[in-house]
Amino acid sequence: MVMKVYSPEFKADAVALYLSDPSHTFEGIGKDLGISRETLRNWVRAERARRGESGATSTHTKDIPVSEATRQDLEAGIAALRAELRTVRKENQKLATERDILRKATKFFAQEMTW
C-alpha cells in the first residue's frame, strides 16, 4: 500500500474543520476530504497532544470568565439536577422492586392454576 503524503496546511485545515463543530465525525470529514477516518483521527490526536488537550469532547469553557452570579446560577442548576436525579433513581428502584414482585406473583399464580 502506498502512503500518501499530505501537506502540513492540508492537515491543519482538516483538523480545524473537524474541531470547528462538535457534530462533525471522523467518517464524514474524511469522506469529504478523501482521506481515511483513521488518518484524520491520528491528525486530531496529534494536534490535541500538541495543544495539551485531552479527550474527544474537549471544551474550552474553563478559559471563559464567568461572573459570580452566573456561577451561582449554574451551581444552583446543577444542585437541582442532582436532586432530581436522586428522586428519579429512587423511583426507578421502587418500580423495579414492584416489577419483580409482580413477576414472582405471576409465576406463583400460574403454578396454582396448573394443579
N, C-alpha and C. Protein backbone atom coordinates (compact mmCIF):
# COMPACT_ATOMS: atom_id res chain seq x y z
N MET A 1 0.84 -1.17 0.00
CA MET A 1 0.00 0.00 0.00
C MET A 1 0.90 1.24 0.00
N VAL A 2 0.57 2.18 -0.82
CA VAL A 2 1.36 3.40 -0.96
C VAL A 2 0.85 4.43 0.04
N MET A 3 1.77 5.01 0.80
CA MET A 3 1.41 6.05 1.77
C MET A 3 1.35 7.39 1.04
N LYS A 4 0.24 8.08 1.20
CA LYS A 4 0.12 9.40 0.62
C LYS A 4 0.75 10.41 1.56
N VAL A 5 1.33 11.43 0.97
CA VAL A 5 1.94 12.48 1.76
C VAL A 5 1.08 13.73 1.61
N TYR A 6 0.62 14.25 2.74
CA TYR A 6 -0.23 15.43 2.74
C TYR A 6 0.56 16.62 3.26
N SER A 7 0.26 17.79 2.74
CA SER A 7 0.96 18.99 3.18
C SER A 7 0.52 19.36 4.60
N PRO A 8 1.39 20.02 5.32
CA PRO A 8 1.01 20.46 6.68
C PRO A 8 -0.22 21.37 6.69
N GLU A 9 -0.36 22.18 5.63
CA GLU A 9 -1.52 23.07 5.54
C GLU A 9 -2.80 22.26 5.40
N PHE A 10 -2.77 21.21 4.56
CA PHE A 10 -3.94 20.36 4.37
C PHE A 10 -4.31 19.69 5.70
N LYS A 11 -3.31 19.17 6.41
CA LYS A 11 -3.56 18.52 7.70
C LYS A 11 -4.17 19.51 8.68
N ALA A 12 -3.58 20.70 8.76
CA ALA A 12 -4.08 21.72 9.68
C ALA A 12 -5.51 22.12 9.35
N ASP A 13 -5.81 22.27 8.06
CA ASP A 13 -7.16 22.63 7.65
C ASP A 13 -8.15 21.51 7.97
N ALA A 14 -7.75 20.27 7.76
CA ALA A 14 -8.62 19.13 8.05
C ALA A 14 -8.92 19.06 9.54
N VAL A 15 -7.90 19.23 10.35
CA VAL A 15 -8.08 19.19 11.81
C VAL A 15 -8.96 20.36 12.25
N ALA A 16 -8.71 21.54 11.72
CA ALA A 16 -9.50 22.71 12.08
C ALA A 16 -10.97 22.51 11.70
N LEU A 17 -11.20 21.93 10.54
CA LEU A 17 -12.57 21.65 10.10
C LEU A 17 -13.25 20.69 11.06
N TYR A 18 -12.55 19.64 11.46
CA TYR A 18 -13.13 18.67 12.39
C TYR A 18 -13.43 19.31 13.74
N LEU A 19 -12.50 20.10 14.26
CA LEU A 19 -12.65 20.70 15.58
C LEU A 19 -13.62 21.89 15.60
N SER A 20 -13.97 22.41 14.44
CA SER A 20 -14.82 23.60 14.38
C SER A 20 -16.24 23.35 14.83
N ASP A 21 -16.71 22.10 14.75
CA ASP A 21 -18.10 21.80 15.10
C ASP A 21 -18.16 20.44 15.79
N PRO A 22 -18.73 20.36 17.00
CA PRO A 22 -18.78 19.09 17.72
C PRO A 22 -19.60 18.01 17.01
N SER A 23 -20.46 18.39 16.07
CA SER A 23 -21.29 17.40 15.39
C SER A 23 -20.54 16.69 14.25
N HIS A 24 -19.36 17.19 13.90
CA HIS A 24 -18.58 16.54 12.84
C HIS A 24 -18.07 15.19 13.30
N THR A 25 -17.98 14.26 12.35
CA THR A 25 -17.43 12.93 12.64
C THR A 25 -16.18 12.73 11.80
N PHE A 26 -15.31 11.83 12.29
CA PHE A 26 -14.12 11.50 11.51
C PHE A 26 -14.53 10.93 10.16
N GLU A 27 -15.54 10.09 10.17
CA GLU A 27 -16.01 9.44 8.94
C GLU A 27 -16.49 10.48 7.93
N GLY A 28 -17.32 11.42 8.37
CA GLY A 28 -17.89 12.42 7.47
C GLY A 28 -16.84 13.35 6.88
N ILE A 29 -15.98 13.89 7.73
CA ILE A 29 -14.93 14.79 7.25
C ILE A 29 -13.96 14.04 6.36
N GLY A 30 -13.59 12.83 6.79
CA GLY A 30 -12.65 12.03 5.99
C GLY A 30 -13.20 11.75 4.60
N LYS A 31 -14.47 11.42 4.54
CA LYS A 31 -15.09 11.12 3.24
C LYS A 31 -15.11 12.38 2.36
N ASP A 32 -15.44 13.53 2.98
CA ASP A 32 -15.47 14.78 2.22
C ASP A 32 -14.10 15.16 1.67
N LEU A 33 -13.04 14.89 2.45
CA LEU A 33 -11.69 15.29 2.04
C LEU A 33 -10.94 14.20 1.28
N GLY A 34 -11.51 13.01 1.23
CA GLY A 34 -10.86 11.92 0.51
C GLY A 34 -9.72 11.27 1.30
N ILE A 35 -9.85 11.27 2.62
CA ILE A 35 -8.85 10.62 3.47
C ILE A 35 -9.57 9.62 4.38
N SER A 36 -8.83 8.70 4.94
CA SER A 36 -9.47 7.72 5.83
C SER A 36 -9.77 8.37 7.17
N ARG A 37 -10.76 7.83 7.85
CA ARG A 37 -11.13 8.38 9.15
C ARG A 37 -10.00 8.19 10.16
N GLU A 38 -9.26 7.10 10.04
CA GLU A 38 -8.15 6.84 10.95
C GLU A 38 -7.03 7.86 10.77
N THR A 39 -6.78 8.24 9.53
CA THR A 39 -5.76 9.25 9.27
C THR A 39 -6.15 10.56 9.94
N LEU A 40 -7.41 10.97 9.73
CA LEU A 40 -7.88 12.21 10.34
C LEU A 40 -7.86 12.10 11.86
N ARG A 41 -8.27 10.96 12.40
CA ARG A 41 -8.26 10.76 13.85
C ARG A 41 -6.84 10.91 14.41
N ASN A 42 -5.87 10.35 13.71
CA ASN A 42 -4.48 10.47 14.15
C ASN A 42 -4.01 11.92 14.12
N TRP A 43 -4.39 12.65 13.09
CA TRP A 43 -4.00 14.06 13.00
C TRP A 43 -4.62 14.86 14.14
N VAL A 44 -5.90 14.58 14.44
CA VAL A 44 -6.59 15.30 15.52
C VAL A 44 -5.94 14.97 16.86
N ARG A 45 -5.63 13.70 17.07
CA ARG A 45 -4.94 13.29 18.30
C ARG A 45 -3.61 14.01 18.46
N ALA A 46 -2.86 14.07 17.38
CA ALA A 46 -1.56 14.72 17.42
C ALA A 46 -1.72 16.21 17.73
N GLU A 47 -2.71 16.85 17.14
CA GLU A 47 -2.94 18.27 17.40
C GLU A 47 -3.35 18.50 18.85
N ARG A 48 -4.23 17.66 19.35
CA ARG A 48 -4.65 17.79 20.75
C ARG A 48 -3.47 17.56 21.70
N ALA A 49 -2.63 16.60 21.38
CA ALA A 49 -1.45 16.34 22.22
C ALA A 49 -0.51 17.54 22.18
N ARG A 50 -0.37 18.14 21.00
CA ARG A 50 0.48 19.32 20.86
C ARG A 50 -0.05 20.47 21.70
N ARG A 51 -1.38 20.63 21.73
CA ARG A 51 -2.01 21.70 22.50
C ARG A 51 -2.10 21.39 23.98
N GLY A 52 -1.95 20.12 24.31
CA GLY A 52 -2.08 19.72 25.71
C GLY A 52 -3.51 19.42 26.10
N GLU A 53 -4.38 19.22 25.14
CA GLU A 53 -5.77 18.89 25.40
C GLU A 53 -5.89 17.38 25.55
N SER A 54 -6.98 16.95 26.18
CA SER A 54 -7.24 15.52 26.26
C SER A 54 -8.72 15.28 26.02
N GLY A 55 -9.06 14.08 25.55
CA GLY A 55 -10.45 13.72 25.35
C GLY A 55 -10.99 14.14 24.02
N ALA A 56 -12.00 13.39 23.57
CA ALA A 56 -12.60 13.65 22.27
C ALA A 56 -13.55 14.83 22.31
N THR A 57 -14.10 15.13 23.49
CA THR A 57 -15.07 16.21 23.59
C THR A 57 -14.49 17.36 24.39
N SER A 58 -13.29 17.73 24.07
CA SER A 58 -12.63 18.82 24.78
C SER A 58 -13.39 20.12 24.56
N THR A 59 -13.65 20.82 25.66
CA THR A 59 -14.30 22.11 25.55
C THR A 59 -13.38 23.15 26.16
N HIS A 60 -13.59 24.37 25.77
CA HIS A 60 -12.74 25.45 26.23
C HIS A 60 -13.47 26.30 27.26
N THR A 61 -14.44 25.74 27.98
CA THR A 61 -15.23 26.54 28.92
C THR A 61 -14.42 26.99 30.11
N LYS A 62 -13.35 26.27 30.45
CA LYS A 62 -12.58 26.69 31.61
C LYS A 62 -11.82 27.98 31.32
N ASP A 63 -11.68 28.37 30.07
CA ASP A 63 -10.98 29.60 29.71
C ASP A 63 -11.92 30.80 29.68
N ILE A 64 -13.23 30.57 29.78
CA ILE A 64 -14.21 31.65 29.68
C ILE A 64 -14.45 32.23 31.07
N PRO A 65 -14.24 33.52 31.25
CA PRO A 65 -14.52 34.12 32.57
C PRO A 65 -16.02 34.13 32.83
N VAL A 66 -16.40 33.77 34.07
CA VAL A 66 -17.81 33.70 34.44
C VAL A 66 -18.01 34.56 35.67
N SER A 67 -19.07 35.37 35.65
CA SER A 67 -19.34 36.22 36.81
C SER A 67 -19.80 35.36 37.98
N GLU A 68 -19.71 35.91 39.17
CA GLU A 68 -20.10 35.17 40.38
C GLU A 68 -21.58 34.82 40.36
N ALA A 69 -22.42 35.74 39.87
CA ALA A 69 -23.86 35.47 39.80
C ALA A 69 -24.15 34.31 38.84
N THR A 70 -23.48 34.32 37.70
CA THR A 70 -23.66 33.24 36.73
C THR A 70 -23.17 31.93 37.31
N ARG A 71 -22.06 31.95 38.00
CA ARG A 71 -21.52 30.74 38.62
C ARG A 71 -22.51 30.19 39.65
N GLN A 72 -23.10 31.08 40.46
CA GLN A 72 -24.07 30.64 41.46
C GLN A 72 -25.32 30.06 40.80
N ASP A 73 -25.76 30.68 39.70
CA ASP A 73 -26.91 30.15 38.97
C ASP A 73 -26.62 28.76 38.42
N LEU A 74 -25.42 28.60 37.87
CA LEU A 74 -25.04 27.29 37.33
C LEU A 74 -24.96 26.24 38.44
N GLU A 75 -24.37 26.61 39.56
CA GLU A 75 -24.26 25.67 40.68
C GLU A 75 -25.63 25.31 41.23
N ALA A 76 -26.55 26.28 41.29
CA ALA A 76 -27.92 26.00 41.74
C ALA A 76 -28.61 25.06 40.76
N GLY A 77 -28.40 25.29 39.47
CA GLY A 77 -28.98 24.40 38.46
C GLY A 77 -28.44 22.98 38.57
N ILE A 78 -27.15 22.88 38.80
CA ILE A 78 -26.53 21.56 38.95
C ILE A 78 -27.08 20.86 40.19
N ALA A 79 -27.23 21.61 41.29
CA ALA A 79 -27.78 21.02 42.52
C ALA A 79 -29.21 20.54 42.30
N ALA A 80 -30.01 21.31 41.57
CA ALA A 80 -31.39 20.90 41.27
C ALA A 80 -31.41 19.64 40.42
N LEU A 81 -30.52 19.58 39.44
CA LEU A 81 -30.46 18.39 38.59
C LEU A 81 -30.03 17.16 39.37
N ARG A 82 -29.09 17.34 40.29
CA ARG A 82 -28.66 16.22 41.12
C ARG A 82 -29.79 15.73 42.02
N ALA A 83 -30.55 16.66 42.59
CA ALA A 83 -31.69 16.28 43.43
C ALA A 83 -32.73 15.52 42.60
N GLU A 84 -32.99 16.03 41.40
CA GLU A 84 -33.95 15.34 40.52
C GLU A 84 -33.44 13.95 40.15
N LEU A 85 -32.15 13.83 39.89
CA LEU A 85 -31.57 12.53 39.56
C LEU A 85 -31.74 11.55 40.73
N ARG A 86 -31.50 12.03 41.96
CA ARG A 86 -31.70 11.16 43.13
C ARG A 86 -33.15 10.69 43.21
N THR A 87 -34.08 11.61 42.98
CA THR A 87 -35.50 11.27 43.03
C THR A 87 -35.85 10.24 41.96
N VAL A 88 -35.37 10.45 40.77
CA VAL A 88 -35.66 9.53 39.67
C VAL A 88 -35.05 8.16 39.93
N ARG A 89 -33.85 8.13 40.48
CA ARG A 89 -33.23 6.83 40.80
C ARG A 89 -34.02 6.08 41.86
N LYS A 90 -34.50 6.80 42.89
CA LYS A 90 -35.33 6.16 43.91
C LYS A 90 -36.61 5.60 43.30
N GLU A 91 -37.25 6.39 42.45
CA GLU A 91 -38.47 5.95 41.78
C GLU A 91 -38.19 4.74 40.89
N ASN A 92 -37.08 4.76 40.20
CA ASN A 92 -36.69 3.64 39.34
C ASN A 92 -36.50 2.37 40.17
N GLN A 93 -35.85 2.51 41.32
CA GLN A 93 -35.65 1.36 42.21
C GLN A 93 -36.98 0.82 42.71
N LYS A 94 -37.88 1.72 43.08
CA LYS A 94 -39.20 1.32 43.56
C LYS A 94 -39.95 0.56 42.46
N LEU A 95 -39.93 1.08 41.25
CA LEU A 95 -40.62 0.43 40.14
C LEU A 95 -40.00 -0.93 39.81
N ALA A 96 -38.69 -1.03 39.90
CA ALA A 96 -38.02 -2.31 39.65
C ALA A 96 -38.43 -3.34 40.69
N THR A 97 -38.54 -2.91 41.95
CA THR A 97 -38.97 -3.81 43.02
C THR A 97 -40.41 -4.26 42.79
N GLU A 98 -41.28 -3.33 42.44
CA GLU A 98 -42.67 -3.68 42.15
C GLU A 98 -42.77 -4.64 40.98
N ARG A 99 -41.98 -4.41 39.95
CA ARG A 99 -41.98 -5.31 38.79
C ARG A 99 -41.56 -6.72 39.20
N ASP A 100 -40.51 -6.81 40.02
CA ASP A 100 -40.03 -8.12 40.45
C ASP A 100 -41.09 -8.84 41.28
N ILE A 101 -41.78 -8.10 42.15
CA ILE A 101 -42.85 -8.71 42.94
C ILE A 101 -43.96 -9.23 42.03
N LEU A 102 -44.35 -8.44 41.05
CA LEU A 102 -45.40 -8.88 40.13
C LEU A 102 -44.97 -10.10 39.31
N ARG A 103 -43.71 -10.16 38.90
CA ARG A 103 -43.22 -11.34 38.18
C ARG A 103 -43.32 -12.59 39.04
N LYS A 104 -42.90 -12.46 40.30
CA LYS A 104 -42.96 -13.61 41.21
C LYS A 104 -44.40 -14.03 41.45
N ALA A 105 -45.29 -13.04 41.62
CA ALA A 105 -46.70 -13.35 41.84
C ALA A 105 -47.30 -14.04 40.62
N THR A 106 -46.93 -13.60 39.43
CA THR A 106 -47.42 -14.21 38.21
C THR A 106 -46.99 -15.67 38.13
N LYS A 107 -45.75 -15.94 38.45
CA LYS A 107 -45.26 -17.32 38.44
C LYS A 107 -45.98 -18.15 39.49
N PHE A 108 -46.21 -17.57 40.68
CA PHE A 108 -46.89 -18.29 41.74
C PHE A 108 -48.31 -18.66 41.33
N PHE A 109 -49.05 -17.68 40.79
CA PHE A 109 -50.44 -17.94 40.41
C PHE A 109 -50.52 -18.85 39.18
N ALA A 110 -49.54 -18.80 38.32
CA ALA A 110 -49.51 -19.71 37.17
C ALA A 110 -49.34 -21.15 37.66
N GLN A 111 -48.56 -21.36 38.69
CA GLN A 111 -48.38 -22.71 39.25
C GLN A 111 -49.66 -23.16 39.95
N GLU A 112 -50.37 -22.29 40.63
CA GLU A 112 -51.61 -22.62 41.30
C GLU A 112 -52.66 -23.11 40.32
N MET A 113 -52.72 -22.51 39.15
CA MET A 113 -53.74 -22.86 38.16
C MET A 113 -53.46 -24.20 37.49
N THR A 114 -52.22 -24.63 37.44
CA THR A 114 -51.90 -25.88 36.75
C THR A 114 -52.21 -27.09 37.60
N TRP A 115 -52.51 -26.94 38.88
CA TRP A 115 -52.79 -28.09 39.74
C TRP A 115 -54.14 -28.60 39.50
